[in-house]
């Protein structure tokens, strides 16, 4: 599989939670996958922001309008 984005995160947004699937590509091409759930409160969203910044995430997306398969990096 070809790496398009070296650091990305798919976000699944619900009423009370946001689930993030973060993929980080290492220097030798290894992929680190992490999945976390955050509350949709102010503090929860700040935690999400910190988690994305900590991984130096450059791109994120959310499965909207039926684009789930092309968006979510952790769906496979």
PDB file of N, CA and C in Angstrom:
ATOM      1  N   UNK A   1       0.843  -1.182   0.000  1.00  0.00           N
ATOM      2  CA  UNK A   1       0.000   0.000   0.000  1.00  0.00           C
ATOM      3  C   UNK A   1       0.888   1.244   0.000  1.00  0.00           C
ATOM      4  N   UNK A   2       0.546   2.204  -0.799  1.00  0.00           N
ATOM      5  CA  UNK A   2       1.293   3.456  -0.894  1.00  0.00           C
ATOM      6  C   UNK A   2       0.858   4.418   0.204  1.00  0.00           C
ATOM      7  N   UNK A   3       1.841   5.014   0.878  1.00  0.00           N
ATOM      8  CA  UNK A   3       1.555   6.000   1.911  1.00  0.00           C
ATOM      9  C   UNK A   3       1.253   7.342   1.237  1.00  0.00           C
ATOM     10  N   UNK A   4       0.071   7.871   1.496  1.00  0.00           N
ATOM     11  CA  UNK A   4      -0.327   9.168   0.940  1.00  0.00           C
ATOM     12  C   UNK A   4      -0.081  10.265   1.975  1.00  0.00           C
ATOM     13  N   UNK A   5      -0.482  10.007   3.208  1.00  0.00           N
ATOM     14  CA  UNK A   5      -0.263  10.940   4.308  1.00  0.00           C
ATOM     15  C   UNK A   5       0.515  10.207   5.397  1.00  0.00           C
ATOM     16  N   UNK A   6       1.648  10.735   5.800  1.00  0.00           N
ATOM     17  CA  UNK A   6       2.485  10.072   6.788  1.00  0.00           C
ATOM     18  C   UNK A   6       1.907  10.133   8.194  1.00  0.00           C
ATOM     19  N   UNK A   7       1.119  11.145   8.477  1.00  0.00           N
ATOM     20  CA  UNK A   7       0.523  11.313   9.806  1.00  0.00           C
ATOM     21  C   UNK A   7      -0.902  11.807   9.601  1.00  0.00           C
ATOM     22  N   UNK A   8      -1.855  10.932   9.896  1.00  0.00           N
ATOM     23  CA  UNK A   8      -3.257  11.307   9.662  1.00  0.00           C
ATOM     24  C   UNK A   8      -4.147  10.690  10.725  1.00  0.00           C
ATOM     25  N   UNK A   9      -5.391  11.159  10.755  1.00  0.00           N
ATOM     26  CA  UNK A   9      -6.338  10.666  11.745  1.00  0.00           C
ATOM     27  C   UNK A   9      -7.746  10.694  11.149  1.00  0.00           C
ATOM     28  N   UNK A  10      -8.439   9.576  11.250  1.00  0.00           N
ATOM     29  CA  UNK A  10      -9.854   9.521  10.897  1.00  0.00           C
ATOM     30  C   UNK A  10     -10.663   9.793  12.153  1.00  0.00           C
ATOM     31  N   UNK A  11     -11.678  10.615  12.043  1.00  0.00           N
ATOM     32  CA  UNK A  11     -12.502  10.982  13.203  1.00  0.00           C
ATOM     33  C   UNK A  11     -13.940  10.560  12.965  1.00  0.00           C
ATOM     34  N   UNK A  12     -14.497   9.826  13.899  1.00  0.00           N
ATOM     35  CA  UNK A  12     -15.897   9.424  13.846  1.00  0.00           C
ATOM     36  C   UNK A  12     -16.623  10.201  14.945  1.00  0.00           C
ATOM     37  N   UNK A  13     -17.431  11.159  14.542  1.00  0.00           N
ATOM     38  CA  UNK A  13     -18.046  12.099  15.479  1.00  0.00           C
ATOM     39  C   UNK A  13     -19.465  11.641  15.828  1.00  0.00           C
ATOM     40  N   UNK A  14     -19.726  11.530  17.129  1.00  0.00           N
ATOM     41  CA  UNK A  14     -21.044  11.174  17.643  1.00  0.00           C
ATOM     42  C   UNK A  14     -21.518  12.308  18.553  1.00  0.00           C
ATOM     43  N   UNK A  15     -22.715  12.178  19.092  1.00  0.00           N
ATOM     44  CA  UNK A  15     -23.257  13.235  19.940  1.00  0.00           C
ATOM     45  C   UNK A  15     -22.440  13.427  21.218  1.00  0.00           C
ATOM     46  N   UNK A  16     -22.034  12.336  21.861  1.00  0.00           N
ATOM     47  CA  UNK A  16     -21.332  12.446  23.135  1.00  0.00           C
ATOM     48  C   UNK A  16     -19.855  12.087  23.061  1.00  0.00           C
ATOM     49  N   UNK A  17     -19.416  11.519  21.942  1.00  0.00           N
ATOM     50  CA  UNK A  17     -18.011  11.117  21.816  1.00  0.00           C
ATOM     51  C   UNK A  17     -17.471  11.378  20.414  1.00  0.00           C
ATOM     52  N   UNK A  18     -16.149  11.448  20.345  1.00  0.00           N
ATOM     53  CA  UNK A  18     -15.412  11.480  19.080  1.00  0.00           C
ATOM     54  C   UNK A  18     -14.384  10.367  19.174  1.00  0.00           C
ATOM     55  N   UNK A  19     -14.393   9.463  18.202  1.00  0.00           N
ATOM     56  CA  UNK A  19     -13.415   8.382  18.164  1.00  0.00           C
ATOM     57  C   UNK A  19     -12.372   8.738  17.111  1.00  0.00           C
ATOM     58  N   UNK A  20     -11.117   8.746  17.533  1.00  0.00           N
ATOM     59  CA  UNK A  20     -10.026   9.072  16.626  1.00  0.00           C
ATOM     60  C   UNK A  20      -9.164   7.854  16.370  1.00  0.00           C
ATOM     61  N   UNK A  21      -8.828   7.619  15.112  1.00  0.00           N
ATOM     62  CA  UNK A  21      -7.909   6.551  14.730  1.00  0.00           C
ATOM     63  C   UNK A  21      -6.701   7.224  14.087  1.00  0.00           C
ATOM     64  N   UNK A  22      -5.602   7.233  14.806  1.00  0.00           N
ATOM     65  CA  UNK A  22      -4.395   7.960  14.383  1.00  0.00           C
ATOM     66  C   UNK A  22      -3.387   6.978  13.793  1.00  0.00           C
ATOM     67  N   UNK A  23      -2.886   7.294  12.600  1.00  0.00           N
ATOM     68  CA  UNK A  23      -1.851   6.499  11.953  1.00  0.00           C
ATOM     69  C   UNK A  23      -0.611   7.357  11.776  1.00  0.00           C
ATOM     70  N   UNK A  24       0.501   6.872  12.302  1.00  0.00           N
ATOM     71  CA  UNK A  24       1.769   7.590  12.192  1.00  0.00           C
ATOM     72  C   UNK A  24       2.769   6.678  11.502  1.00  0.00           C
ATOM     73  N   UNK A  25       3.417   7.184  10.450  1.00  0.00           N
ATOM     74  CA  UNK A  25       4.412   6.413   9.725  1.00  0.00           C
ATOM     75  C   UNK A  25       5.787   6.694  10.311  1.00  0.00           C
ATOM     76  N   UNK A  26       6.487   5.628  10.712  1.00  0.00           N
ATOM     77  CA  UNK A  26       7.824   5.754  11.279  1.00  0.00           C
ATOM     78  C   UNK A  26       8.876   5.924  10.192  1.00  0.00           C
ATOM     79  N   UNK A  27      10.106   6.172  10.610  1.00  0.00           N
ATOM     80  CA  UNK A  27      11.196   6.425   9.669  1.00  0.00           C
ATOM     81  C   UNK A  27      11.510   5.220   8.785  1.00  0.00           C
ATOM     82  N   UNK A  28      11.212   4.021   9.264  1.00  0.00           N
ATOM     83  CA  UNK A  28      11.478   2.808   8.474  1.00  0.00           C
ATOM     84  C   UNK A  28      10.224   2.290   7.774  1.00  0.00           C
ATOM     85  N   UNK A  29       9.198   3.109   7.732  1.00  0.00           N
ATOM     86  CA  UNK A  29       7.971   2.741   7.047  1.00  0.00           C
ATOM     87  C   UNK A  29       6.978   1.965   7.886  1.00  0.00           C
ATOM     88  N   UNK A  30       7.259   1.774   9.158  1.00  0.00           N
ATOM     89  CA  UNK A  30       6.310   1.084  10.030  1.00  0.00           C
ATOM     90  C   UNK A  30       5.153   2.016  10.373  1.00  0.00           C
ATOM     91  N   UNK A  31       3.993   1.440  10.569  1.00  0.00           N
ATOM     92  CA  UNK A  31       2.798   2.223  10.884  1.00  0.00           C
ATOM     93  C   UNK A  31       2.410   1.991  12.339  1.00  0.00           C
ATOM     94  N   UNK A  32       2.267   3.079  13.081  1.00  0.00           N
ATOM     95  CA  UNK A  32       1.772   3.009  14.458  1.00  0.00           C
ATOM     96  C   UNK A  32       0.305   3.417  14.438  1.00  0.00           C
ATOM     97  N   UNK A  33      -0.558   2.518  14.863  1.00  0.00           N
ATOM     98  CA  UNK A  33      -2.007   2.761  14.866  1.00  0.00           C
ATOM     99  C   UNK A  33      -2.485   2.907  16.308  1.00  0.00           C
ATOM    100  N   UNK A  34      -3.231   3.968  16.574  1.00  0.00           N
ATOM    101  CA  UNK A  34      -3.783   4.193  17.906  1.00  0.00           C
ATOM    102  C   UNK A  34      -5.228   4.657  17.772  1.00  0.00           C
ATOM    103  N   UNK A  35      -6.102   4.080  18.581  1.00  0.00           N
ATOM    104  CA  UNK A  35      -7.518   4.460  18.580  1.00  0.00           C
ATOM    105  C   UNK A  35      -7.883   4.932  19.980  1.00  0.00           C
ATOM    106  N   UNK A  36      -8.492   6.123  20.050  1.00  0.00           N
ATOM    107  CA  UNK A  36      -8.916   6.672  21.346  1.00  0.00           C
ATOM    108  C   UNK A  36     -10.286   7.310  21.215  1.00  0.00           C
ATOM    109  N   UNK A  37     -11.004   7.314  22.310  1.00  0.00           N
ATOM    110  CA  UNK A  37     -12.323   7.932  22.361  1.00  0.00           C
ATOM    111  C   UNK A  37     -12.265   9.133  23.288  1.00  0.00           C
ATOM    112  N   UNK A  38     -12.855  10.235  22.836  1.00  0.00           N
ATOM    113  CA  UNK A  38     -12.858  11.495  23.583  1.00  0.00           C
ATOM    114  C   UNK A  38     -14.294  11.972  23.758  1.00  0.00           C
ATOM    115  N   UNK A  39     -14.554  12.618  24.872  1.00  0.00           N
ATOM    116  CA  UNK A  39     -15.869  13.228  25.106  1.00  0.00           C
ATOM    117  C   UNK A  39     -16.001  14.477  24.232  1.00  0.00           C
ATOM    118  N   UNK A  40     -17.227  14.850  23.936  1.00  0.00           N
ATOM    119  CA  UNK A  40     -17.454  16.066  23.141  1.00  0.00           C
ATOM    120  C   UNK A  40     -17.581  17.306  24.022  1.00  0.00           C
ATOM    121  N   UNK A  41     -17.114  17.218  25.246  1.00  0.00           N
ATOM    122  CA  UNK A  41     -17.056  18.379  26.134  1.00  0.00           C
ATOM    123  C   UNK A  41     -15.846  19.229  25.756  1.00  0.00           C
ATOM    124  N   UNK A  42     -15.768  20.410  26.286  1.00  0.00           N
ATOM    125  CA  UNK A  42     -14.612  21.271  26.010  1.00  0.00           C
ATOM    126  C   UNK A  42     -13.313  20.583  26.407  1.00  0.00           C
ATOM    127  N   UNK A  43     -13.277  19.996  27.599  1.00  0.00           N
ATOM    128  CA  UNK A  43     -12.056  19.317  28.034  1.00  0.00           C
ATOM    129  C   UNK A  43     -11.732  18.113  27.158  1.00  0.00           C
ATOM    130  N   UNK A  44     -12.748  17.361  26.758  1.00  0.00           N
ATOM    131  CA  UNK A  44     -12.531  16.214  25.885  1.00  0.00           C
ATOM    132  C   UNK A  44     -11.958  16.611  24.542  1.00  0.00           C
ATOM    133  N   UNK A  45     -12.466  17.701  23.977  1.00  0.00           N
ATOM    134  CA  UNK A  45     -11.961  18.181  22.690  1.00  0.00           C
ATOM    135  C   UNK A  45     -10.555  18.758  22.824  1.00  0.00           C
ATOM    136  N   UNK A  46     -10.242  19.326  23.969  1.00  0.00           N
ATOM    137  CA  UNK A  46      -8.863  19.784  24.213  1.00  0.00           C
ATOM    138  C   UNK A  46      -7.918  18.587  24.282  1.00  0.00           C
ATOM    139  N   UNK A  47      -8.371  17.493  24.905  1.00  0.00           N
ATOM    140  CA  UNK A  47      -7.563  16.271  24.947  1.00  0.00           C
ATOM    141  C   UNK A  47      -7.326  15.736  23.531  1.00  0.00           C
ATOM    142  N   UNK A  48      -8.363  15.751  22.704  1.00  0.00           N
ATOM    143  CA  UNK A  48      -8.229  15.326  21.308  1.00  0.00           C
ATOM    144  C   UNK A  48      -7.217  16.193  20.586  1.00  0.00           C
ATOM    145  N   UNK A  49      -7.305  17.498  20.761  1.00  0.00           N
ATOM    146  CA  UNK A  49      -6.367  18.425  20.132  1.00  0.00           C
ATOM    147  C   UNK A  49      -4.927  18.126  20.559  1.00  0.00           C
ATOM    148  N   UNK A  50      -4.740  17.879  21.847  1.00  0.00           N
ATOM    149  CA  UNK A  50      -3.412  17.570  22.370  1.00  0.00           C
ATOM    150  C   UNK A  50      -2.898  16.248  21.780  1.00  0.00           C
ATOM    151  N   UNK A  51      -3.749  15.249  21.686  1.00  0.00           N
ATOM    152  CA  UNK A  51      -3.379  13.939  21.140  1.00  0.00           C
ATOM    153  C   UNK A  51      -2.962  14.055  19.676  1.00  0.00           C
ATOM    154  N   UNK A  52      -3.697  14.861  18.911  1.00  0.00           N
ATOM    155  CA  UNK A  52      -3.337  15.064  17.501  1.00  0.00           C
ATOM    156  C   UNK A  52      -2.019  15.824  17.380  1.00  0.00           C
ATOM    157  N   UNK A  53      -1.845  16.865  18.193  1.00  0.00           N
ATOM    158  CA  UNK A  53      -0.604  17.653  18.162  1.00  0.00           C
ATOM    159  C   UNK A  53       0.590  16.808  18.607  1.00  0.00           C
ATOM    160  N   UNK A  54       0.380  15.974  19.608  1.00  0.00           N
ATOM    161  CA  UNK A  54       1.438  15.100  20.123  1.00  0.00           C
ATOM    162  C   UNK A  54       1.959  14.151  19.029  1.00  0.00           C
ATOM    163  N   UNK A  55       1.071  13.714  18.136  1.00  0.00           N
ATOM    164  CA  UNK A  55       1.465  12.846  17.036  1.00  0.00           C
ATOM    165  C   UNK A  55       1.853  13.601  15.784  1.00  0.00           C
ATOM    166  N   UNK A  56       1.877  14.931  15.855  1.00  0.00           N
ATOM    167  CA  UNK A  56       2.199  15.779  14.699  1.00  0.00           C
ATOM    168  C   UNK A  56       1.318  15.424  13.494  1.00  0.00           C
ATOM    169  N   UNK A  57       0.029  15.209  13.777  1.00  0.00           N
ATOM    170  CA  UNK A  57      -0.920  14.839  12.727  1.00  0.00           C
ATOM    171  C   UNK A  57      -1.083  16.014  11.767  1.00  0.00           C
ATOM    172  N   UNK A  58      -0.937  15.719  10.475  1.00  0.00           N
ATOM    173  CA  UNK A  58      -1.009  16.753   9.444  1.00  0.00           C
ATOM    174  C   UNK A  58      -2.373  16.812   8.766  1.00  0.00           C
ATOM    175  N   UNK A  59      -3.105  15.688   8.767  1.00  0.00           N
ATOM    176  CA  UNK A  59      -4.391  15.628   8.078  1.00  0.00           C
ATOM    177  C   UNK A  59      -5.374  14.808   8.909  1.00  0.00           C
ATOM    178  N   UNK A  60      -6.629  15.234   8.883  1.00  0.00           N
ATOM    179  CA  UNK A  60      -7.680  14.462   9.518  1.00  0.00           C
ATOM    180  C   UNK A  60      -8.927  14.544   8.656  1.00  0.00           C
ATOM    181  N   UNK A  61      -9.812  13.586   8.836  1.00  0.00           N
ATOM    182  CA  UNK A  61     -11.061  13.612   8.074  1.00  0.00           C
ATOM    183  C   UNK A  61     -12.142  12.918   8.885  1.00  0.00           C
ATOM    184  N   UNK A  62     -13.367  13.154   8.502  1.00  0.00           N
ATOM    185  CA  UNK A  62     -14.509  12.548   9.156  1.00  0.00           C
ATOM    186  C   UNK A  62     -15.399  11.949   8.074  1.00  0.00           C
ATOM    187  N   UNK A  63     -15.934  10.748   8.303  1.00  0.00           N
ATOM    188  CA  UNK A  63     -16.753  10.090   7.272  1.00  0.00           C
ATOM    189  C   UNK A  63     -18.112  10.757   7.101  1.00  0.00           C
ATOM    190  N   UNK A  64     -18.171  11.726   6.228  1.00  0.00           N
ATOM    191  CA  UNK A  64     -19.419  12.451   5.959  1.00  0.00           C
ATOM    192  C   UNK A  64     -19.898  12.157   4.547  1.00  0.00           C
ATOM    193  N   UNK A  65     -21.181  12.254   4.335  1.00  0.00           N
ATOM    194  CA  UNK A  65     -21.783  12.143   3.007  1.00  0.00           C
ATOM    195  C   UNK A  65     -21.407  10.863   2.281  1.00  0.00           C
ATOM    196  N   UNK A  66     -21.295   9.764   3.020  1.00  0.00           N
ATOM    197  CA  UNK A  66     -21.016   8.486   2.389  1.00  0.00           C
ATOM    198  C   UNK A  66     -19.582   8.285   1.948  1.00  0.00           C
ATOM    199  N   UNK A  67     -18.649   9.097   2.435  1.00  0.00           N
ATOM    200  CA  UNK A  67     -17.247   8.982   2.029  1.00  0.00           C
ATOM    201  C   UNK A  67     -16.444   8.130   3.006  1.00  0.00           C
ATOM    202  N   UNK A  68     -17.116   7.306   3.801  1.00  0.00           N
ATOM    203  CA  UNK A  68     -16.449   6.563   4.876  1.00  0.00           C
ATOM    204  C   UNK A  68     -15.275   5.721   4.385  1.00  0.00           C
ATOM    205  N   UNK A  69     -15.425   4.980   3.313  1.00  0.00           N
ATOM    206  CA  UNK A  69     -14.361   4.086   2.860  1.00  0.00           C
ATOM    207  C   UNK A  69     -13.102   4.855   2.426  1.00  0.00           C
ATOM    208  N   UNK A  70     -13.278   5.995   1.794  1.00  0.00           N
ATOM    209  CA  UNK A  70     -12.107   6.748   1.337  1.00  0.00           C
ATOM    210  C   UNK A  70     -11.512   7.623   2.421  1.00  0.00           C
ATOM    211  N   UNK A  71     -12.225   7.787   3.520  1.00  0.00           N
ATOM    212  CA  UNK A  71     -11.767   8.704   4.553  1.00  0.00           C
ATOM    213  C   UNK A  71     -11.062   8.005   5.705  1.00  0.00           C
ATOM    214  N   UNK A  72     -11.715   7.037   6.299  1.00  0.00           N
ATOM    215  CA  UNK A  72     -11.224   6.493   7.557  1.00  0.00           C
ATOM    216  C   UNK A  72     -10.002   5.595   7.360  1.00  0.00           C
ATOM    217  N   UNK A  73      -8.843   6.015   7.897  1.00  0.00           N
ATOM    218  CA  UNK A  73      -7.621   5.231   7.706  1.00  0.00           C
ATOM    219  C   UNK A  73      -7.633   3.937   8.497  1.00  0.00           C
ATOM    220  N   UNK A  74      -8.528   3.776   9.435  1.00  0.00           N
ATOM    221  CA  UNK A  74      -8.512   2.591  10.292  1.00  0.00           C
ATOM    222  C   UNK A  74      -9.678   1.656  10.000  1.00  0.00           C
ATOM    223  N   UNK A  75     -10.374   1.858   8.911  1.00  0.00           N
ATOM    224  CA  UNK A  75     -11.556   1.044   8.631  1.00  0.00           C
ATOM    225  C   UNK A  75     -11.204  -0.338   8.115  1.00  0.00           C
ATOM    226  N   UNK A  76      -9.982  -0.539   7.639  1.00  0.00           N
ATOM    227  CA  UNK A  76      -9.639  -1.846   7.087  1.00  0.00           C
ATOM    228  C   UNK A  76      -9.032  -2.771   8.103  1.00  0.00           C
TER     229      UNK A  76
END
